């Protein structure tokens, strides 16, 4: 093989493996040696010995898997011994490199070496990536990399890492100086650096600066440029009531105490298949919340800000009695804010023997449904609570009769709403175990938005009442607030210590409630945070967070479900757990 063939083979190999930095360094070296000739010209020359070393690199890796362990160990020692000012940024690189060292060894059939590497360094990443490590621990052969969804997605994806320019330069200098070709190759192939000028980011932001992105990032960006119509439906009941001015005056409303005639009327009339007011006696807390809401009402509703759109689907007509019930609720809605927090009615399931997996509550709180691990669904009429209810069956809420008993599920029922409709019914949002949330057009079936930023499985979704924002909760306890139009995360909500199973916006969208397996309900100030984003436009590059208004702990009950009524009473449900 002559020098020209060797040089071409070297460049082809470097490009194929994605060793961009090594390729650039090789080009620079050639230009220094032959400044008057181009790298690809036939007159350029390369040291045959160096070229042969590079060409034999692939075969050496096959025969010497210890290079992964040695290379990662040295990189780790260097990062931990760096200056404190830059150390926390350089340490961010270790987890992606560790994961891909492990998976590369598995893919090449070096199972024992992979397990040794995994067990030697897994403790470094237990705090931030415990669930990911548990999944990867089950990868025991090359076929597992393809069969396991999580491992396969990691192999096909990149990590986004925010880092300052000086930290980035330090990393490159180390890799080139030590000739860490294995580490350099992995970093080039699997990490996308977002380099920023100035000082390093705060160490308190480490939870957000390393994010997971698919290999088709360009395709994702293209999808997120599609136009979507996020506004509310034209001629909605709320809009009609607002135009009539009925949402503002309080003179015609009850003043903290419900009139007896109205209560009796509520008991008799049907409301969305349930019985408005029949299941819940007006509590003192509800009275106080109603009175407080009157004092804090504003002249205009947040709903008026949202544009109006036409529905793409044919929507069913609303029966007159149901419409009347909805309008009555809207007239008596409590206006929530950071100064006027909602009253909460909590339903606790007992004696379920860990069988309850999910729960859902009707908007008026009269019906509560549960999904159980024996594939059964149960619905409780709260007005008849304590009476003998019979076996598990499906009940018609309109006819108040049993229709059928479901026995088709072969596995536990984990949720009765696995997706979230947009308020204008033109879009559906879905959360996945691939750590992404996607928005789908119901007419075309196209994906119109992909939201990337979560670091674990998505468990809960909620849409703001004006259709502008979406919240998503994950397995690690993080909640993210997204702007649908741009597809960007406008605020991470950090505070829960376990899975976020349920999310709910208040009716006017000023508050967000989150329920978690950590046995708490948290209330977040949506209005203040979104206004801050609009005024400052996040010019400083710092991460804005929604202000936490209140944390409401339960005694020993993980929170499975949250639901705001149209009058802004917050319902919650969960199962009593003696193990928490």
Protein backbone atom coordinates (compact mmCIF):
# COMPACT_ATOMS: atom_id res chain seq x y z
CA UNK A 1 0.00 0.00 0.00
CA UNK A 2 1.55 3.34 -1.06
CA UNK A 3 1.37 6.57 0.95
CA UNK A 4 -1.59 7.97 -0.96
CA UNK A 5 -3.70 4.87 -0.35
CA UNK A 6 -2.73 4.86 3.32
CA UNK A 7 -3.74 8.51 3.71
CA UNK A 8 -7.12 7.97 2.04
CA UNK A 9 -7.78 4.91 4.17
CA UNK A 10 -6.99 6.86 7.33
CA UNK A 11 -9.38 9.68 6.43
CA UNK A 12 -12.12 7.24 5.43
CA UNK A 13 -11.79 5.39 8.74
CA UNK A 14 -11.87 8.57 10.83
CA UNK A 15 -14.99 9.83 9.04
CA UNK A 16 -16.74 6.47 9.28
CA UNK A 17 -16.16 6.25 13.04
CA UNK A 18 -17.17 9.85 13.65
CA UNK A 19 -13.78 10.82 15.12
CA UNK A 20 -14.22 14.45 14.12
CA UNK A 21 -11.68 15.94 16.50
CA UNK A 22 -9.07 13.34 15.57
CA UNK A 23 -9.78 14.00 11.89
CA UNK A 24 -9.28 17.73 12.37
CA UNK A 25 -6.07 17.16 14.31
CA UNK A 26 -4.83 14.88 11.55
CA UNK A 27 -5.61 17.52 8.92
CA UNK A 28 -3.88 20.24 10.93
CA UNK A 29 -0.79 18.08 11.29
CA UNK A 30 -0.69 17.49 7.55
CA UNK A 31 -1.05 21.19 6.83
CA UNK A 32 1.81 22.02 9.21
CA UNK A 33 4.03 19.48 7.49
CA UNK A 34 3.02 20.54 3.98
CA UNK A 35 1.55 24.08 4.16
CA UNK A 36 1.59 24.53 0.39
CA UNK A 37 -0.35 21.40 -0.44
CA UNK A 38 -3.93 20.42 0.28
CA UNK A 39 -4.62 17.44 2.51
CA UNK A 40 -6.36 15.47 -0.20
CA UNK A 41 -3.81 16.27 -2.91
CA UNK A 42 -1.61 13.54 -4.32
CA UNK A 43 1.51 15.49 -3.29
CA UNK A 44 0.75 15.31 0.45
CA UNK A 45 2.53 12.78 2.57
CA UNK A 46 1.88 10.98 5.85
CA UNK A 47 4.14 9.04 8.10
CA UNK A 48 3.42 5.40 7.16
CA UNK A 49 4.09 4.26 10.72
CA UNK A 50 1.49 6.65 12.19
CA UNK A 51 -1.00 5.73 9.48
CA UNK A 52 -0.63 2.03 10.13
CA UNK A 53 -1.16 2.61 13.85
CA UNK A 54 -4.41 4.43 13.15
CA UNK A 55 -5.59 1.81 10.67
CA UNK A 56 -4.89 -0.97 13.16
CA UNK A 57 -6.85 0.86 15.87
CA UNK A 58 -10.10 -1.04 15.22
CA UNK A 59 -8.51 -4.47 15.37
CA UNK A 60 -6.62 -3.55 18.55
CA UNK A 61 -9.87 -2.67 20.26
CA UNK A 62 -11.32 -6.05 19.37
CA UNK A 63 -8.31 -7.79 20.92
CA UNK A 64 -7.77 -5.43 23.86
CA UNK A 65 -11.08 -4.58 25.57
CA UNK A 66 -9.11 -3.41 28.63
CA UNK A 67 -8.58 -0.10 26.80
CA UNK A 68 -12.14 0.88 27.68
CA UNK A 69 -11.62 0.30 31.40
CA UNK A 70 -8.23 1.99 31.37
CA UNK A 71 -9.35 4.94 29.25
CA UNK A 72 -12.47 5.62 31.33
CA UNK A 73 -10.55 5.25 34.59
CA UNK A 74 -7.97 7.82 33.53
CA UNK A 75 -10.65 10.24 32.27
CA UNK A 76 -12.49 9.86 35.57
CA UNK A 77 -9.35 10.51 37.65
CA UNK A 78 -8.52 13.59 35.58
CA UNK A 79 -12.05 15.03 35.90
CA UNK A 80 -12.15 14.52 39.68
CA UNK A 81 -8.71 16.17 40.09
CA UNK A 82 -9.64 19.25 38.03
CA UNK A 83 -10.04 22.72 39.50
CA UNK A 84 -13.21 23.06 41.58
CA UNK A 85 -14.47 25.89 39.37
CA UNK A 86 -14.68 23.57 36.36
CA UNK A 87 -14.89 20.14 37.98
CA UNK A 88 -18.70 19.87 38.09
CA UNK A 89 -18.90 20.64 34.34
CA UNK A 90 -16.22 18.11 33.42
CA UNK A 91 -17.85 15.43 35.57
CA UNK A 92 -20.97 15.67 33.38
CA UNK A 93 -19.09 13.93 30.59
CA UNK A 94 -18.48 10.79 32.64
CA UNK A 95 -21.97 9.28 32.63
CA UNK A 96 -22.47 9.20 28.83
CA UNK A 97 -18.92 7.86 28.35
CA UNK A 98 -19.44 5.22 31.06
CA UNK A 99 -22.72 4.04 29.52
CA UNK A 100 -21.30 3.76 26.01
CA UNK A 101 -18.09 2.08 27.16
CA UNK A 102 -20.28 -0.57 28.77
CA UNK A 103 -22.52 -1.00 25.72
CA UNK A 104 -19.59 -1.05 23.28
CA UNK A 105 -17.99 -3.89 25.23
CA UNK A 106 -21.29 -5.79 25.24
CA UNK A 107 -21.71 -5.23 21.49
CA UNK A 108 -18.22 -6.61 20.83
CA UNK A 109 -18.93 -9.71 22.94
CA UNK A 110 -16.67 -8.81 25.88
CA UNK A 111 -19.34 -9.57 28.47
CA UNK A 112 -17.07 -10.15 31.46
CA UNK A 113 -15.06 -6.98 30.82
CA UNK A 114 -18.31 -5.03 30.50
CA UNK A 115 -19.59 -6.33 33.85
CA UNK A 116 -16.27 -5.48 35.51
CA UNK A 117 -16.42 -1.93 34.18
CA UNK A 118 -20.08 -1.57 35.20
CA UNK A 119 -19.53 -2.82 38.76
CA UNK A 120 -16.35 -0.77 39.23
CA UNK A 121 -17.87 2.62 38.45
CA UNK A 122 -21.66 2.35 38.85
CA UNK A 123 -21.59 3.96 42.32
CA UNK A 124 -20.46 7.23 40.74
CA UNK A 125 -23.80 7.50 38.93
CA UNK A 126 -26.25 5.87 41.36
CA UNK A 127 -27.60 9.15 42.75
CA UNK A 128 -28.54 10.73 39.41
CA UNK A 129 -29.18 7.68 37.20
CA UNK A 130 -30.26 4.83 39.47
CA UNK A 131 -33.21 3.73 37.32
CA UNK A 132 -31.18 3.81 34.11
CA UNK A 133 -28.48 1.65 35.71
CA UNK A 134 -31.07 -0.88 36.86
CA UNK A 135 -32.25 -1.24 33.27
CA UNK A 136 -28.73 -1.50 31.84
CA UNK A 137 -27.83 -4.14 34.41
CA UNK A 138 -30.11 -6.50 32.52
CA UNK A 139 -28.08 -6.18 29.29
CA UNK A 140 -26.09 -9.42 29.15
CA UNK A 141 -25.54 -10.04 25.45
CA UNK A 142 -25.29 -8.14 22.13
CA UNK A 143 -28.85 -9.14 21.25
CA UNK A 144 -30.12 -7.41 24.39
CA UNK A 145 -28.85 -4.09 23.02
CA UNK A 146 -31.31 -4.39 20.16
CA UNK A 147 -34.16 -6.06 22.03
CA UNK A 148 -34.24 -3.72 25.03
CA UNK A 149 -35.92 -0.46 24.03
CA UNK A 150 -33.96 1.70 26.47
CA UNK A 151 -30.54 0.29 25.51
CA UNK A 152 -31.35 0.50 21.81
CA UNK A 153 -32.43 4.13 22.08
CA UNK A 154 -29.22 4.99 23.93
CA UNK A 155 -27.14 3.41 21.19
CA UNK A 156 -28.93 5.43 18.53
CA UNK A 157 -28.94 8.72 20.42
CA UNK A 158 -26.79 11.53 21.77
CA UNK A 159 -26.55 13.37 25.07
CA UNK A 160 -26.79 17.17 25.13
CA UNK A 161 -24.30 18.63 27.62
CA UNK A 162 -24.05 22.32 28.51
CA UNK A 163 -20.48 23.38 29.20
CA UNK A 164 -18.50 26.62 29.18
CA UNK A 165 -15.81 27.26 26.58
CA UNK A 166 -12.87 26.90 28.96
CA UNK A 167 -14.10 23.54 30.32
CA UNK A 168 -14.56 22.34 26.75
CA UNK A 169 -11.02 23.40 25.84
CA UNK A 170 -9.62 21.66 28.92
CA UNK A 171 -11.35 18.41 27.92
CA UNK A 172 -10.03 18.51 24.36
CA UNK A 173 -6.51 19.29 25.54
CA UNK A 174 -6.57 16.31 27.88
CA UNK A 175 -7.87 13.91 25.22
CA UNK A 176 -5.29 15.00 22.64
CA UNK A 177 -2.39 15.17 25.08
CA UNK A 178 -3.03 11.68 26.43
CA UNK A 179 -3.95 10.32 22.97
CA UNK A 180 -7.19 8.86 24.44
CA UNK A 181 -8.50 7.74 21.07
CA UNK A 182 -11.16 5.43 22.52
CA UNK A 183 -12.63 8.13 24.79
CA UNK A 184 -12.39 10.74 22.05
CA UNK A 185 -14.27 8.50 19.64
CA UNK A 186 -17.08 7.82 22.10
CA UNK A 187 -17.42 11.50 22.99
CA UNK A 188 -17.55 12.52 19.33
CA UNK A 189 -20.17 9.93 18.51
CA UNK A 190 -22.48 10.17 21.51
CA UNK A 191 -22.20 13.67 23.04
CA UNK A 192 -23.44 16.97 21.62
CA UNK A 193 -21.79 19.84 23.50
CA UNK A 194 -23.64 23.13 23.91
CA UNK A 195 -20.67 25.41 24.51
CA UNK A 196 -21.36 28.81 26.06
CA UNK A 197 -19.03 31.76 26.69
CA UNK A 198 -18.30 33.06 30.16
CA UNK A 199 -18.21 31.32 33.51
CA UNK A 200 -19.35 27.73 34.19
CA UNK A 201 -23.02 27.16 34.92
CA UNK A 202 -24.12 26.77 38.52
CA UNK A 203 -23.58 23.38 40.13
CA UNK A 204 -27.21 23.53 41.32
CA UNK A 205 -28.34 23.24 37.69
CA UNK A 206 -26.63 19.87 37.10
CA UNK A 207 -30.01 18.09 36.96
CA UNK A 208 -30.95 20.02 33.82
CA UNK A 209 -27.70 20.46 31.89
CA UNK A 210 -27.37 16.85 30.72
CA UNK A 211 -30.31 15.90 28.52
CA UNK A 212 -31.08 12.97 26.25
CA UNK A 213 -31.72 13.56 22.57
CA UNK A 214 -32.56 11.25 19.68
CA UNK A 215 -30.14 10.73 16.85
CA UNK A 216 -32.65 12.37 14.51
CA UNK A 217 -32.33 15.77 16.15
CA UNK A 218 -32.52 17.53 12.78
CA UNK A 219 -35.79 15.70 12.05
CA UNK A 220 -37.09 16.70 15.49
CA UNK A 221 -36.27 20.35 14.86
CA UNK A 222 -38.03 20.14 11.51
CA UNK A 223 -41.16 18.66 13.10
CA UNK A 224 -41.20 21.36 15.79
CA UNK A 225 -41.31 24.05 13.11
CA UNK A 226 -44.76 22.92 11.93
CA UNK A 227 -47.60 25.30 12.62
CA UNK A 228 -50.07 24.35 15.32
CA UNK A 229 -53.23 26.11 16.44
CA UNK A 230 -53.10 25.93 20.21
CA UNK A 231 -56.06 28.20 21.00
CA UNK A 232 -59.50 27.42 22.41
CA UNK A 233 -62.59 26.29 20.55
CA UNK A 234 -64.86 28.92 19.04
CA UNK A 235 -68.17 29.60 20.75
CA UNK A 236 -67.38 27.60 23.88
CA UNK A 237 -69.69 27.85 26.88
CA UNK A 238 -67.03 29.72 28.82
CA UNK A 239 -66.59 32.24 26.01
CA UNK A 240 -70.31 32.80 25.74
CA UNK A 241 -70.59 33.34 29.48
CA UNK A 242 -67.63 35.69 29.46
CA UNK A 243 -69.08 37.81 26.64
CA UNK A 244 -72.33 38.05 28.56
CA UNK A 245 -70.36 39.36 31.55
CA UNK A 246 -71.58 36.57 33.78
CA UNK A 247 -68.10 35.55 34.91
CA UNK A 248 -67.43 38.88 36.63
CA UNK A 249 -70.39 40.08 38.76
CA UNK A 250 -70.89 38.44 42.14
CA UNK A 251 -74.19 40.07 43.13
CA UNK A 252 -76.30 37.25 41.74
CA UNK A 253 -74.11 34.56 43.26
CA UNK A 254 -74.32 32.83 46.59
CA UNK A 255 -72.29 34.61 49.24
CA UNK A 256 -70.29 31.81 50.80
CA UNK A 257 -73.40 29.84 51.88
CA UNK A 258 -75.31 27.73 49.36
CA UNK A 259 -79.03 28.36 49.12
CA UNK A 260 -80.99 25.30 50.16
CA UNK A 261 -83.13 25.40 47.05
CA UNK A 262 -80.05 25.34 44.82
CA UNK A 263 -78.60 22.40 46.75
CA UNK A 264 -81.83 20.46 46.30
CA UNK A 265 -81.91 21.32 42.62
CA UNK A 266 -78.34 20.09 42.23
CA UNK A 267 -79.25 16.78 43.81
CA UNK A 268 -82.02 16.20 41.30
CA UNK A 269 -80.46 17.23 38.00
CA UNK A 270 -78.02 14.99 36.07
CA UNK A 271 -74.53 16.37 35.43
CA UNK A 272 -72.19 14.60 33.04
CA UNK A 273 -73.75 11.34 34.03
CA UNK A 274 -73.23 11.99 37.72
CA UNK A 275 -75.23 13.92 40.30
CA UNK A 276 -74.04 17.46 40.86
CA UNK A 277 -73.76 18.04 44.57
CA UNK A 278 -75.41 14.74 45.47
CA UNK A 279 -72.19 13.12 46.54
CA UNK A 280 -70.60 15.98 48.38
CA UNK A 281 -72.09 18.05 51.14
CA UNK A 282 -70.73 21.56 50.98
CA UNK A 283 -67.85 21.59 53.44
CA UNK A 284 -66.69 24.56 55.45
CA UNK A 285 -63.49 24.63 53.43
CA UNK A 286 -65.48 24.90 50.19
CA UNK A 287 -67.45 27.80 51.64
CA UNK A 288 -64.29 29.58 52.65
CA UNK A 289 -62.73 28.97 49.23
CA UNK A 290 -65.84 30.41 47.52
CA UNK A 291 -65.74 33.51 49.67
CA UNK A 292 -62.01 33.94 49.15
CA UNK A 293 -62.38 33.54 45.42
CA UNK A 294 -64.85 36.41 45.24
CA UNK A 295 -62.40 38.77 46.84
CA UNK A 296 -59.63 37.81 44.45
CA UNK A 297 -61.57 37.78 41.18
CA UNK A 298 -60.21 39.93 38.39
CA UNK A 299 -62.14 41.81 35.75
CA UNK A 300 -60.91 39.69 32.85
CA UNK A 301 -60.37 35.99 32.50
CA UNK A 302 -57.13 34.42 31.30
CA UNK A 303 -59.25 32.57 28.75
CA UNK A 304 -59.77 35.79 26.76
CA UNK A 305 -56.05 35.91 25.89
CA UNK A 306 -56.11 32.67 23.90
CA UNK A 307 -57.02 32.78 20.18
CA UNK A 308 -60.07 30.88 18.95
CA UNK A 309 -59.84 27.95 16.56
CA UNK A 310 -62.34 25.75 14.77
CA UNK A 311 -62.56 22.06 15.73
CA UNK A 312 -61.22 19.56 13.22
CA UNK A 313 -63.53 16.87 14.58
CA UNK A 314 -67.30 16.87 14.75
CA UNK A 315 -68.06 17.39 18.43
CA UNK A 316 -71.16 15.99 20.14
CA UNK A 317 -73.88 18.40 21.19
CA UNK A 318 -74.31 19.11 24.90
CA UNK A 319 -77.74 18.31 26.39
CA UNK A 320 -79.56 21.36 27.75
CA UNK A 321 -79.54 20.14 31.38
CA UNK A 322 -75.81 19.43 31.23
CA UNK A 323 -75.14 22.84 29.68
CA UNK A 324 -77.16 24.47 32.45
CA UNK A 325 -75.13 22.62 35.08
CA UNK A 326 -71.82 23.66 33.48
CA UNK A 327 -72.87 27.31 33.27
CA UNK A 328 -73.91 27.26 36.91
CA UNK A 329 -70.49 25.94 37.88
CA UNK A 330 -68.72 28.57 35.77
CA UNK A 331 -70.72 31.36 37.41
CA UNK A 332 -69.66 30.14 40.84
CA UNK A 333 -66.02 29.44 40.02
CA UNK A 334 -63.42 30.46 42.58
CA UNK A 335 -60.65 32.54 41.04
CA UNK A 336 -57.40 31.00 42.28
CA UNK A 337 -54.07 32.75 42.65
CA UNK A 338 -50.96 32.65 44.81
CA UNK A 339 -52.98 34.49 47.45
CA UNK A 340 -56.06 32.29 47.13
CA UNK A 341 -55.15 28.61 47.12
CA UNK A 342 -57.74 25.87 46.52
CA UNK A 343 -59.47 23.71 49.08
CA UNK A 344 -58.65 20.04 48.59
CA UNK A 345 -60.91 17.03 49.04
CA UNK A 346 -58.82 13.86 49.34
CA UNK A 347 -60.21 10.36 48.75
CA UNK A 348 -58.14 7.65 50.45
CA UNK A 349 -58.47 3.99 49.44
CA UNK A 350 -57.93 1.54 52.29
CA UNK A 351 -57.67 -2.25 52.47
CA UNK A 352 -56.69 -2.52 48.82
CA UNK A 353 -53.64 -4.68 49.67
CA UNK A 354 -51.46 -2.77 47.17
CA UNK A 355 -53.88 -3.68 44.38
CA UNK A 356 -54.80 -0.13 43.28
CA UNK A 357 -52.70 1.12 40.35
CA UNK A 358 -54.56 4.24 39.23
CA UNK A 359 -57.58 6.38 40.05
CA UNK A 360 -59.72 8.98 38.29
CA UNK A 361 -62.26 11.45 39.67
CA UNK A 362 -65.21 13.06 37.87
CA UNK A 363 -65.19 16.86 37.65
CA UNK A 364 -67.84 17.25 40.34
CA UNK A 365 -66.28 14.62 42.62
CA UNK A 366 -69.40 12.47 42.62
CA UNK A 367 -67.76 9.46 40.95
CA UNK A 368 -64.39 7.88 41.68
CA UNK A 369 -62.92 5.12 39.49
CA UNK A 370 -60.01 2.80 40.26
CA UNK A 371 -57.94 0.42 38.12
CA UNK A 372 -56.58 -2.65 39.92
CA UNK A 373 -53.81 -5.18 39.41
CA UNK A 374 -56.33 -8.00 38.89
CA UNK A 375 -57.49 -6.28 35.66
CA UNK A 376 -60.68 -4.97 37.27
CA UNK A 377 -62.17 -1.48 37.13
CA UNK A 378 -64.29 -0.19 40.00
CA UNK A 379 -66.50 2.89 40.11
CA UNK A 380 -67.85 4.39 43.33
CA UNK A 381 -70.87 6.67 43.57
CA UNK A 382 -69.89 8.90 46.50
CA UNK A 383 -73.53 9.59 47.35
CA UNK A 384 -73.97 5.87 48.03
CA UNK A 385 -70.66 5.32 49.80
CA UNK A 386 -71.08 2.86 52.64
CA UNK A 387 -73.97 1.05 51.01
CA UNK A 388 -73.58 -2.43 49.56
CA UNK A 389 -72.42 -1.95 45.95
CA UNK A 390 -72.12 -5.51 44.61
CA UNK A 391 -69.42 -6.91 42.35
CA UNK A 392 -67.00 -5.13 40.03
CA UNK A 393 -68.90 -4.05 36.93
CA UNK A 394 -69.11 -1.29 34.32
CA UNK A 395 -71.90 1.13 35.15
CA UNK A 396 -73.67 3.55 32.84
CA UNK A 397 -73.52 6.92 34.54
CA UNK A 398 -76.43 8.17 32.41
CA UNK A 399 -78.75 5.24 33.07
CA UNK A 400 -77.41 4.31 36.51
CA UNK A 401 -77.47 0.68 35.42
CA UNK A 402 -74.88 -2.06 35.04
CA UNK A 403 -73.81 -2.66 31.44
CA UNK A 404 -71.02 -5.24 31.47
CA UNK A 405 -68.28 -6.81 33.57
CA UNK A 406 -64.82 -6.46 32.02
CA UNK A 407 -62.51 -9.46 32.25
CA UNK A 408 -60.37 -8.99 29.13
CA UNK A 409 -57.16 -7.59 30.65
CA UNK A 410 -54.36 -10.06 31.26
CA UNK A 411 -52.14 -7.64 33.17
CA UNK A 412 -52.60 -4.91 35.79
CA UNK A 413 -54.53 -1.80 34.72
CA UNK A 414 -52.08 1.09 35.25
CA UNK A 415 -54.11 3.97 33.90
CA UNK A 416 -57.49 4.74 32.34
CA UNK A 417 -56.15 7.84 30.52
CA UNK A 418 -52.88 7.06 28.76
CA UNK A 419 -52.79 10.18 26.77
CA UNK A 420 -54.00 13.77 27.06
CA UNK A 421 -56.36 15.67 24.74
CA UNK A 422 -55.66 19.29 23.91
CA UNK A 423 -58.46 21.59 25.04
CA UNK A 424 -59.51 22.34 21.45
CA UNK A 425 -59.66 18.61 20.63
CA UNK A 426 -57.42 19.02 17.56
CA UNK A 427 -54.35 17.41 19.16
CA UNK A 428 -53.42 14.51 21.41
CA UNK A 429 -50.30 14.43 23.59
CA UNK A 430 -48.60 11.15 24.53
CA UNK A 431 -45.81 10.41 26.99
CA UNK A 432 -43.47 7.47 26.52
CA UNK A 433 -40.83 5.35 28.18
CA UNK A 434 -38.37 6.81 25.65
CA UNK A 435 -38.38 10.00 27.80
CA UNK A 436 -40.14 12.11 25.17
CA UNK A 437 -43.57 13.72 24.91
CA UNK A 438 -45.17 14.00 21.47
CA UNK A 439 -48.09 16.02 20.13
CA UNK A 440 -50.21 14.46 17.36
CA UNK A 441 -52.66 16.03 14.91
CA UNK A 442 -55.89 14.03 15.21
CA UNK A 443 -56.92 14.61 11.59
CA UNK A 444 -53.68 13.77 9.77
CA UNK A 445 -52.14 11.50 12.40
CA UNK A 446 -48.86 13.41 12.04
CA UNK A 447 -46.53 14.15 14.92
CA UNK A 448 -46.33 17.96 15.08
CA UNK A 449 -44.17 18.41 18.20
CA UNK A 450 -41.51 16.40 20.04
CA UNK A 451 -40.60 17.56 23.54
CA UNK A 452 -37.14 16.43 24.70
CA UNK A 453 -35.66 17.04 28.15
CA UNK A 454 -36.90 14.40 30.58
CA UNK A 455 -34.36 11.93 31.94
CA UNK A 456 -36.79 9.12 32.77
CA UNK A 457 -40.12 7.59 31.74
CA UNK A 458 -43.08 9.99 31.33
CA UNK A 459 -45.93 9.15 33.73
CA UNK A 460 -48.34 12.11 33.65
CA UNK A 461 -49.53 14.93 31.37
CA UNK A 462 -51.77 17.99 31.72
CA UNK A 463 -52.85 20.79 29.36
CA UNK A 464 -53.38 24.38 30.48
CA UNK A 465 -56.97 25.63 30.07
CA UNK A 466 -55.95 28.17 27.41
CA UNK A 467 -54.13 25.46 25.42
CA UNK A 468 -50.83 27.38 25.44
CA UNK A 469 -48.86 25.19 27.85
CA UNK A 470 -48.45 21.53 28.76
CA UNK A 471 -46.97 19.96 31.89
CA UNK A 472 -45.37 16.52 32.03
CA UNK A 473 -44.19 14.46 35.01
CA UNK A 474 -41.67 11.64 35.05
CA UNK A 475 -40.45 8.65 37.01
CA UNK A 476 -37.67 10.60 38.75
CA UNK A 477 -40.01 13.23 40.21
CA UNK A 478 -39.33 16.03 37.71
CA UNK A 479 -42.16 18.08 36.20
CA UNK A 480 -41.54 20.12 33.05
CA UNK A 481 -43.63 22.97 31.67
CA UNK A 482 -43.68 23.22 27.86
CA UNK A 483 -44.81 25.93 25.46
CA UNK A 484 -46.66 24.17 22.66
CA UNK A 485 -46.04 26.79 19.97
CA UNK A 486 -42.24 26.68 20.25
CA UNK A 487 -41.82 23.18 21.67
CA UNK A 488 -39.39 24.42 24.32
CA UNK A 489 -39.27 23.72 28.03
CA UNK A 490 -39.96 27.02 29.77
CA UNK A 491 -39.59 25.79 33.31
CA UNK A 492 -38.54 22.62 35.13
CA UNK A 493 -40.32 22.01 38.44
CA UNK A 494 -38.00 20.38 40.94
CA UNK A 495 -39.21 19.32 44.37
CA UNK A 496 -40.78 15.87 44.28
CA UNK A 497 -38.59 12.99 45.43
CA UNK A 498 -40.44 10.18 43.65
CA UNK A 499 -42.68 9.41 40.65
CA UNK A 500 -45.09 12.17 39.57
CA UNK A 501 -48.27 10.24 38.87
CA UNK A 502 -50.75 13.04 38.28
CA UNK A 503 -50.93 16.69 37.17
CA UNK A 504 -53.81 19.17 36.97
CA UNK A 505 -54.21 22.83 36.03
CA UNK A 506 -56.73 25.01 37.83
CA UNK A 507 -59.64 26.10 35.65
CA UNK A 508 -58.26 29.54 34.83
CA UNK A 509 -54.70 28.18 34.51
CA UNK A 510 -53.09 30.23 37.28
CA UNK A 511 -52.02 27.20 39.35
CA UNK A 512 -50.62 23.75 38.61
CA UNK A 513 -51.07 20.87 41.06
CA UNK A 514 -48.77 17.83 41.05
CA UNK A 515 -49.27 14.58 42.94
CA UNK A 516 -46.49 12.11 43.65
CA UNK A 517 -45.55 8.77 45.12
CA UNK A 518 -43.68 10.80 47.76
CA UNK A 519 -47.10 11.30 49.45
CA UNK A 520 -47.40 15.01 48.67
CA UNK A 521 -49.51 17.38 46.60
CA UNK A 522 -47.60 20.46 45.44
CA UNK A 523 -49.10 23.71 44.16
CA UNK A 524 -47.11 25.81 41.65
CA UNK A 525 -47.58 29.44 40.57
CA UNK A 526 -48.00 29.33 36.78
CA UNK A 527 -48.97 32.95 36.13
CA UNK A 528 -46.00 34.62 37.83
CA UNK A 529 -43.42 32.38 36.17
CA UNK A 530 -44.79 32.71 32.62
CA UNK A 531 -44.99 36.50 32.95
CA UNK A 532 -41.35 36.56 34.05
CA UNK A 533 -40.34 34.56 30.99
CA UNK A 534 -42.13 36.95 28.64
CA UNK A 535 -40.62 40.09 30.17
CA UNK A 536 -37.03 38.94 30.56
CA UNK A 537 -36.96 36.39 27.71
CA UNK A 538 -34.39 34.43 29.68
CA UNK A 539 -31.52 36.62 28.42
CA UNK A 540 -29.21 35.60 31.22
CA UNK A 541 -29.34 31.95 30.22
CA UNK A 542 -30.38 30.94 33.73
CA UNK A 543 -33.11 28.36 34.27
CA UNK A 544 -36.45 29.79 35.42
CA UNK A 545 -38.58 27.65 37.67
CA UNK A 546 -42.20 27.86 38.65
CA UNK A 547 -42.56 29.19 42.17
CA UNK A 548 -43.71 26.54 44.61
CA UNK A 549 -46.65 27.90 46.57
CA UNK A 550 -47.39 25.09 48.97
CA UNK A 551 -46.63 21.44 49.73
CA UNK A 552 -49.47 19.41 51.20
CA UNK A 553 -48.26 16.12 52.70
CA UNK A 554 -50.57 13.18 53.28
CA UNK A 555 -50.11 10.95 56.29
CA UNK A 556 -49.09 7.87 54.35
CA UNK A 557 -50.87 8.04 50.99
CA UNK A 558 -49.15 8.32 47.61
CA UNK A 559 -51.18 10.59 45.34
CA UNK A 560 -52.64 8.78 42.32
CA UNK A 561 -55.06 11.32 40.86
CA UNK A 562 -55.83 15.06 40.89
CA UNK A 563 -58.84 16.83 39.40
CA UNK A 564 -60.03 20.46 39.63
CA UNK A 565 -63.79 20.87 39.58
CA UNK A 566 -65.30 23.65 37.46
CA UNK A 567 -65.67 25.60 40.68
CA UNK A 568 -61.93 25.10 41.35
CA UNK A 569 -62.19 22.70 44.26
CA UNK A 570 -59.25 20.32 44.00
CA UNK A 571 -60.04 16.61 44.35
CA UNK A 572 -57.27 14.10 45.07
CA UNK A 573 -57.14 10.33 45.52
CA UNK A 574 -54.64 7.73 46.64
CA UNK A 575 -54.27 4.44 48.48
CA UNK A 576 -53.19 4.22 52.10
CA UNK A 577 -49.77 2.62 52.25
CA UNK A 578 -48.15 1.26 55.39
CA UNK A 579 -44.81 0.87 53.62
CA UNK A 580 -44.18 4.55 52.89
